[in-house]
Amino acid sequence: MTDWGDKAKRLLKSELIKRGVSNADLALMLNELGVDETKASIDSKISRGSFSASFFLQCLSVIGCYKIEIEDYGNNILLAADHNVEYKNGTNGK
């Protein structure tokens, strides 16, 4: 069974590392957005891997991550924060 908390934690940590953003930097960036977080609270959330989807999206947004790639069971699924992407469903191909 997949540990989704661990998967989310690793994904967030990797995006922070790619951009050279520390947890202290992230706290400052989130505070500028109006999200009340401290370095200690971010350390704790990421360490546990238990944070809300809202927190996850806020973090990705402030660090400038608008596309993420999630790999699961050998399939690559690209989630894009792009309103111009036309998504297809399996029933009618649109």
N, C-alpha and C. Protein backbone atom coordinates (compact mmCIF):
# COMPACT_ATOMS: atom_id res chain seq x y z
N MET A 1 0.84 -1.19 0.00
CA MET A 1 0.00 0.00 0.00
C MET A 1 0.89 1.25 0.00
N THR A 2 0.49 2.25 -0.74
CA THR A 2 1.27 3.47 -0.87
C THR A 2 1.10 4.36 0.34
N ASP A 3 2.19 4.91 0.85
CA ASP A 3 2.15 5.89 1.93
C ASP A 3 2.08 7.27 1.28
N TRP A 4 0.86 7.79 1.12
CA TRP A 4 0.66 9.04 0.40
C TRP A 4 1.26 10.24 1.14
N GLY A 5 1.28 10.21 2.48
CA GLY A 5 1.91 11.28 3.25
C GLY A 5 3.40 11.36 2.95
N ASP A 6 4.03 10.19 2.89
CA ASP A 6 5.46 10.15 2.58
C ASP A 6 5.71 10.62 1.15
N LYS A 7 4.84 10.24 0.24
CA LYS A 7 4.98 10.65 -1.16
C LYS A 7 4.86 12.17 -1.29
N ALA A 8 3.87 12.76 -0.60
CA ALA A 8 3.68 14.22 -0.63
C ALA A 8 4.89 14.93 0.00
N LYS A 9 5.38 14.39 1.10
CA LYS A 9 6.53 14.96 1.78
C LYS A 9 7.76 14.96 0.86
N ARG A 10 8.02 13.84 0.22
CA ARG A 10 9.18 13.75 -0.66
C ARG A 10 9.05 14.67 -1.87
N LEU A 11 7.84 14.78 -2.39
CA LEU A 11 7.61 15.66 -3.54
C LEU A 11 7.84 17.12 -3.16
N LEU A 12 7.29 17.55 -2.02
CA LEU A 12 7.48 18.93 -1.58
C LEU A 12 8.95 19.21 -1.28
N LYS A 13 9.62 18.29 -0.58
CA LYS A 13 11.03 18.49 -0.26
C LYS A 13 11.87 18.58 -1.52
N SER A 14 11.58 17.75 -2.51
CA SER A 14 12.38 17.78 -3.73
C SER A 14 12.18 19.09 -4.50
N GLU A 15 10.97 19.62 -4.50
CA GLU A 15 10.72 20.89 -5.19
C GLU A 15 11.41 22.04 -4.46
N LEU A 16 11.45 21.99 -3.14
CA LEU A 16 12.15 23.02 -2.36
C LEU A 16 13.66 22.96 -2.66
N ILE A 17 14.21 21.75 -2.67
CA ILE A 17 15.64 21.58 -2.93
C ILE A 17 16.01 22.04 -4.33
N LYS A 18 15.19 21.69 -5.33
CA LYS A 18 15.46 22.10 -6.71
C LYS A 18 15.59 23.60 -6.84
N ARG A 19 14.82 24.32 -6.02
CA ARG A 19 14.79 25.78 -6.11
C ARG A 19 15.68 26.46 -5.07
N GLY A 20 16.36 25.66 -4.27
CA GLY A 20 17.25 26.22 -3.25
C GLY A 20 16.51 26.98 -2.17
N VAL A 21 15.28 26.54 -1.85
CA VAL A 21 14.46 27.21 -0.84
C VAL A 21 14.51 26.41 0.46
N SER A 22 14.95 27.06 1.52
CA SER A 22 14.99 26.41 2.83
C SER A 22 13.62 26.54 3.49
N ASN A 23 13.43 25.81 4.58
CA ASN A 23 12.17 25.92 5.31
C ASN A 23 12.01 27.31 5.92
N ALA A 24 13.12 27.94 6.30
CA ALA A 24 13.06 29.31 6.82
C ALA A 24 12.62 30.27 5.71
N ASP A 25 13.19 30.08 4.51
CA ASP A 25 12.78 30.89 3.36
C ASP A 25 11.29 30.68 3.06
N LEU A 26 10.87 29.43 3.11
CA LEU A 26 9.48 29.11 2.83
C LEU A 26 8.55 29.79 3.82
N ALA A 27 8.93 29.81 5.09
CA ALA A 27 8.12 30.49 6.10
C ALA A 27 7.96 31.97 5.76
N LEU A 28 9.05 32.62 5.36
CA LEU A 28 8.98 34.04 4.99
C LEU A 28 8.08 34.25 3.78
N MET A 29 8.22 33.38 2.80
CA MET A 29 7.42 33.50 1.58
C MET A 29 5.93 33.29 1.88
N LEU A 30 5.62 32.32 2.73
CA LEU A 30 4.23 32.07 3.08
C LEU A 30 3.66 33.23 3.90
N ASN A 31 4.48 33.79 4.79
CA ASN A 31 4.02 34.94 5.58
C ASN A 31 3.69 36.12 4.68
N GLU A 32 4.47 36.33 3.63
CA GLU A 32 4.18 37.40 2.68
C GLU A 32 2.86 37.17 1.97
N LEU A 33 2.48 35.91 1.83
CA LEU A 33 1.21 35.54 1.21
C LEU A 33 0.04 35.68 2.19
N GLY A 34 0.38 35.86 3.47
CA GLY A 34 -0.65 35.97 4.50
C GLY A 34 -0.91 34.67 5.23
N VAL A 35 -0.05 33.67 5.01
CA VAL A 35 -0.18 32.37 5.67
C VAL A 35 0.75 32.38 6.88
N ASP A 36 0.18 32.20 8.06
CA ASP A 36 0.93 32.29 9.30
C ASP A 36 1.64 30.96 9.60
N GLU A 37 2.90 30.87 9.20
CA GLU A 37 3.72 29.68 9.44
C GLU A 37 5.08 30.12 9.96
N THR A 38 5.68 29.26 10.76
CA THR A 38 7.04 29.49 11.24
C THR A 38 7.93 28.39 10.66
N LYS A 39 9.22 28.59 10.76
CA LYS A 39 10.15 27.54 10.31
C LYS A 39 9.87 26.25 11.08
N ALA A 40 9.65 26.38 12.39
CA ALA A 40 9.41 25.20 13.24
C ALA A 40 8.14 24.47 12.83
N SER A 41 7.08 25.21 12.51
CA SER A 41 5.82 24.55 12.12
C SER A 41 5.97 23.86 10.77
N ILE A 42 6.73 24.48 9.87
CA ILE A 42 6.98 23.86 8.56
C ILE A 42 7.86 22.63 8.71
N ASP A 43 8.92 22.73 9.52
CA ASP A 43 9.77 21.57 9.80
C ASP A 43 8.93 20.39 10.28
N SER A 44 8.02 20.67 11.21
CA SER A 44 7.20 19.62 11.81
C SER A 44 6.25 19.00 10.78
N LYS A 45 5.57 19.85 10.01
CA LYS A 45 4.62 19.34 9.01
C LYS A 45 5.32 18.47 7.96
N ILE A 46 6.44 18.97 7.47
CA ILE A 46 7.14 18.22 6.42
C ILE A 46 7.75 16.94 6.99
N SER A 47 8.29 17.01 8.19
CA SER A 47 8.88 15.83 8.82
C SER A 47 7.84 14.72 9.00
N ARG A 48 6.65 15.09 9.46
CA ARG A 48 5.57 14.11 9.66
C ARG A 48 4.96 13.66 8.34
N GLY A 49 5.00 14.55 7.35
CA GLY A 49 4.34 14.24 6.09
C GLY A 49 2.84 14.36 6.21
N SER A 50 2.40 15.08 7.24
CA SER A 50 0.95 15.25 7.43
C SER A 50 0.62 16.74 7.35
N PHE A 51 0.23 17.14 6.15
CA PHE A 51 -0.19 18.52 5.94
C PHE A 51 -1.35 18.53 4.97
N SER A 52 -2.08 19.62 4.98
CA SER A 52 -3.27 19.70 4.14
C SER A 52 -2.89 19.94 2.69
N ALA A 53 -3.83 19.65 1.83
CA ALA A 53 -3.65 19.94 0.41
C ALA A 53 -3.49 21.44 0.21
N SER A 54 -4.19 22.23 1.01
CA SER A 54 -4.08 23.70 0.92
C SER A 54 -2.65 24.14 1.21
N PHE A 55 -2.06 23.61 2.27
CA PHE A 55 -0.68 23.94 2.61
C PHE A 55 0.26 23.54 1.49
N PHE A 56 0.07 22.34 0.96
CA PHE A 56 0.90 21.83 -0.13
C PHE A 56 0.84 22.77 -1.34
N LEU A 57 -0.37 23.17 -1.72
CA LEU A 57 -0.54 24.06 -2.87
C LEU A 57 0.00 25.46 -2.60
N GLN A 58 -0.17 25.95 -1.37
CA GLN A 58 0.41 27.25 -1.01
C GLN A 58 1.93 27.22 -1.15
N CYS A 59 2.53 26.16 -0.67
CA CYS A 59 3.99 26.03 -0.75
C CYS A 59 4.45 26.00 -2.20
N LEU A 60 3.81 25.15 -3.01
CA LEU A 60 4.20 25.06 -4.41
C LEU A 60 4.02 26.40 -5.12
N SER A 61 2.95 27.08 -4.81
CA SER A 61 2.67 28.37 -5.45
C SER A 61 3.73 29.41 -5.12
N VAL A 62 4.07 29.56 -3.84
CA VAL A 62 5.03 30.61 -3.46
C VAL A 62 6.44 30.34 -3.95
N ILE A 63 6.78 29.07 -4.19
CA ILE A 63 8.13 28.78 -4.71
C ILE A 63 8.16 28.77 -6.23
N GLY A 64 7.01 29.00 -6.85
CA GLY A 64 6.96 29.09 -8.30
C GLY A 64 6.87 27.75 -9.01
N CYS A 65 6.36 26.76 -8.33
CA CYS A 65 6.19 25.44 -8.94
C CYS A 65 4.76 25.33 -9.44
N TYR A 66 4.60 25.36 -10.74
CA TYR A 66 3.27 25.32 -11.32
C TYR A 66 2.97 24.01 -12.03
N LYS A 67 3.96 23.16 -12.15
CA LYS A 67 3.75 21.83 -12.73
C LYS A 67 4.50 20.83 -11.88
N ILE A 68 3.85 19.71 -11.61
CA ILE A 68 4.52 18.63 -10.89
C ILE A 68 4.27 17.33 -11.64
N GLU A 69 5.21 16.43 -11.50
CA GLU A 69 5.09 15.12 -12.13
C GLU A 69 5.04 14.08 -11.02
N ILE A 70 4.03 13.26 -11.09
CA ILE A 70 3.86 12.22 -10.09
C ILE A 70 4.01 10.87 -10.77
N GLU A 71 4.93 10.07 -10.28
CA GLU A 71 5.14 8.74 -10.85
C GLU A 71 4.54 7.71 -9.90
N ASP A 72 3.75 6.81 -10.47
CA ASP A 72 3.14 5.77 -9.66
C ASP A 72 3.01 4.51 -10.50
N TYR A 73 3.56 3.41 -10.03
CA TYR A 73 3.48 2.12 -10.69
C TYR A 73 3.93 2.19 -12.14
N GLY A 74 4.97 2.95 -12.41
CA GLY A 74 5.53 3.00 -13.75
C GLY A 74 4.79 3.92 -14.71
N ASN A 75 3.69 4.52 -14.27
CA ASN A 75 2.95 5.44 -15.13
C ASN A 75 3.28 6.87 -14.73
N ASN A 76 3.54 7.71 -15.70
CA ASN A 76 3.78 9.12 -15.43
C ASN A 76 2.49 9.88 -15.63
N ILE A 77 2.10 10.62 -14.61
CA ILE A 77 0.91 11.46 -14.69
C ILE A 77 1.38 12.89 -14.51
N LEU A 78 1.11 13.75 -15.46
CA LEU A 78 1.52 15.15 -15.36
C LEU A 78 0.34 15.98 -14.91
N LEU A 79 0.47 16.64 -13.78
CA LEU A 79 -0.55 17.56 -13.29
C LEU A 79 -0.05 18.96 -13.58
N ALA A 80 -0.78 19.73 -14.31
CA ALA A 80 -0.32 21.05 -14.70
C ALA A 80 -1.29 22.12 -14.22
N ALA A 81 -0.75 23.17 -13.65
CA ALA A 81 -1.56 24.32 -13.24
C ALA A 81 -1.66 25.27 -14.42
N ASP A 82 -2.25 24.81 -15.48
CA ASP A 82 -2.33 25.59 -16.71
C ASP A 82 -3.75 25.47 -17.24
N HIS A 83 -4.47 26.57 -17.24
CA HIS A 83 -5.86 26.54 -17.66
C HIS A 83 -6.03 26.28 -19.16
N ASN A 84 -4.97 26.34 -19.93
CA ASN A 84 -5.05 26.11 -21.36
C ASN A 84 -4.92 24.63 -21.74
N VAL A 85 -4.67 23.77 -20.76
CA VAL A 85 -4.51 22.35 -21.03
C VAL A 85 -5.89 21.73 -21.22
N GLU A 86 -6.05 20.98 -22.29
CA GLU A 86 -7.31 20.29 -22.54
C GLU A 86 -7.18 18.87 -22.02
N TYR A 87 -7.97 18.54 -21.02
CA TYR A 87 -7.92 17.22 -20.42
C TYR A 87 -8.93 16.31 -21.09
N LYS A 88 -8.58 15.04 -21.19
CA LYS A 88 -9.46 14.05 -21.79
C LYS A 88 -9.90 13.07 -20.73
N ASN A 89 -11.17 12.67 -20.80
CA ASN A 89 -11.60 11.61 -19.90
C ASN A 89 -11.74 10.32 -20.69
N GLY A 90 -11.87 9.24 -20.00
CA GLY A 90 -11.85 7.94 -20.65
C GLY A 90 -13.14 7.56 -21.35
N THR A 91 -14.24 8.29 -21.13
CA THR A 91 -15.51 7.85 -21.69
C THR A 91 -15.78 8.35 -23.09
N ASN A 92 -15.45 9.62 -23.36
CA ASN A 92 -15.77 10.13 -24.69
C ASN A 92 -14.58 10.73 -25.41
N GLY A 93 -13.38 10.63 -24.81
CA GLY A 93 -12.16 11.12 -25.46
C GLY A 93 -11.99 12.61 -25.43
N LYS A 94 -12.89 13.33 -24.76
CA LYS A 94 -12.77 14.80 -24.67
C LYS A 94 -12.40 15.20 -23.27
